[in-house]
Protein backbone atom coordinates (compact mmCIF):
# COMPACT_ATOMS: atom_id res chain seq x y z
CA UNK A 1 -24.59 -1.75 13.07
CA UNK A 2 -22.72 -3.84 10.45
CA UNK A 3 -23.68 -7.62 10.45
CA UNK A 4 -21.07 -10.46 10.28
CA UNK A 5 -21.56 -10.96 6.58
CA UNK A 6 -20.44 -6.69 6.01
CA UNK A 7 -17.65 -7.19 8.46
CA UNK A 8 -16.24 -10.15 6.62
CA UNK A 9 -16.83 -8.52 3.05
CA UNK A 10 -15.24 -5.29 4.48
CA UNK A 11 -12.13 -6.94 5.73
CA UNK A 12 -11.58 -9.21 2.62
CA UNK A 13 -11.73 -6.17 0.49
CA UNK A 14 -9.23 -4.60 2.60
CA UNK A 15 -6.86 -7.60 2.42
CA UNK A 16 -7.28 -7.50 -1.46
CA UNK A 17 -6.49 -3.98 -1.66
CA UNK A 18 -3.44 -4.05 0.72
CA UNK A 19 -1.95 -7.25 -1.12
CA UNK A 20 -2.76 -5.44 -4.84
CA UNK A 21 -1.02 -2.30 -3.35
CA UNK A 22 2.14 -4.49 -2.18
CA UNK A 23 2.35 -6.30 -5.52
CA UNK A 24 2.10 -3.04 -7.50
CA UNK A 25 5.14 -1.84 -5.47
CA UNK A 26 7.16 -5.03 -5.94
CA UNK A 27 6.61 -4.95 -9.47
CA UNK A 28 8.16 -1.03 -9.62
CA UNK A 29 5.06 0.75 -10.08
CA UNK A 30 4.26 4.04 -8.80
CA UNK A 31 1.31 4.41 -6.57
CA UNK A 32 -0.73 7.98 -7.04
CA UNK A 33 -3.26 8.18 -3.94
CA UNK A 34 -5.91 9.66 -6.00
CA UNK A 35 -6.01 6.98 -8.76
CA UNK A 36 -5.72 4.04 -6.23
CA UNK A 37 -8.32 5.52 -4.19
CA UNK A 38 -10.55 5.70 -7.28
CA UNK A 39 -9.61 2.07 -8.52
CA UNK A 40 -10.45 0.67 -5.18
CA UNK A 41 -13.42 2.96 -4.21
CA UNK A 42 -11.98 4.06 -1.00
CA UNK A 43 -10.66 7.52 0.16
CA UNK A 44 -7.09 8.71 -0.27
CA UNK A 45 -6.52 8.68 3.49
CA UNK A 46 -7.64 4.75 3.21
CA UNK A 47 -4.98 4.55 0.60
CA UNK A 48 -2.25 6.26 2.82
CA UNK A 49 -3.10 4.06 5.94
CA UNK A 50 -2.49 0.88 3.57
CA UNK A 51 0.93 2.28 2.34
CA UNK A 52 1.98 2.99 6.22
CA UNK A 53 0.93 -0.63 6.94
CA UNK A 54 2.86 -1.92 3.95
CA UNK A 55 5.96 0.29 5.37
CA UNK A 56 5.67 -0.85 8.26
CA UNK A 57 5.95 -4.40 7.27
CA UNK A 58 9.37 -3.43 5.15
CA UNK A 59 10.97 -1.40 7.97
CA UNK A 60 10.25 -4.12 10.85
CA UNK A 61 10.13 -7.62 9.19
CA UNK A 62 12.14 -7.15 5.97
CA UNK A 63 14.96 -5.04 7.27
CA UNK A 64 17.65 -7.59 6.04
CA UNK A 65 16.45 -7.59 2.16
CA UNK A 66 17.36 -4.88 -0.25
CA UNK A 67 14.00 -3.20 0.43
CA UNK A 68 14.26 -0.07 2.68
CA UNK A 69 10.88 1.54 2.65
CA UNK A 70 7.83 2.93 0.77
CA UNK A 71 8.70 6.46 -0.23
CA UNK A 72 7.33 9.46 -2.11
CA UNK A 73 8.66 10.51 -5.30
CA UNK A 74 7.82 14.12 -5.72
CA UNK A 75 8.53 14.35 -9.50
CA UNK A 76 6.21 11.31 -10.03
CA UNK A 77 3.91 12.52 -7.28
CA UNK A 78 3.29 9.03 -6.17
CA UNK A 79 4.63 6.27 -4.00
CA UNK A 80 7.36 3.66 -4.80
CA UNK A 81 9.66 1.02 -3.26
CA UNK A 82 12.86 2.48 -2.55
CA UNK A 83 15.53 0.31 -2.57
CA UNK A 84 18.96 0.47 -0.56
CA UNK A 85 22.18 1.40 -2.39
CA UNK A 86 24.71 -1.72 -2.37
């Protein structure tokens, strides 16, 4: 069973990881799950879940902005921030 310290450390790590991914998307970077997973020392599934959480934020809470959603670019084989057409 995890102790309080481990739980707090794990939560902090997740927060930093999700915010880092959020910033990467906002700066126009393409996020490749494998590379991000290696960088943050987590599984690709974890990165996928993080991107889904970010997408929920954009689709539910930022719907009046220019940002539409987190989308997958097949050519780049990575995720990016899709912007609505004006």
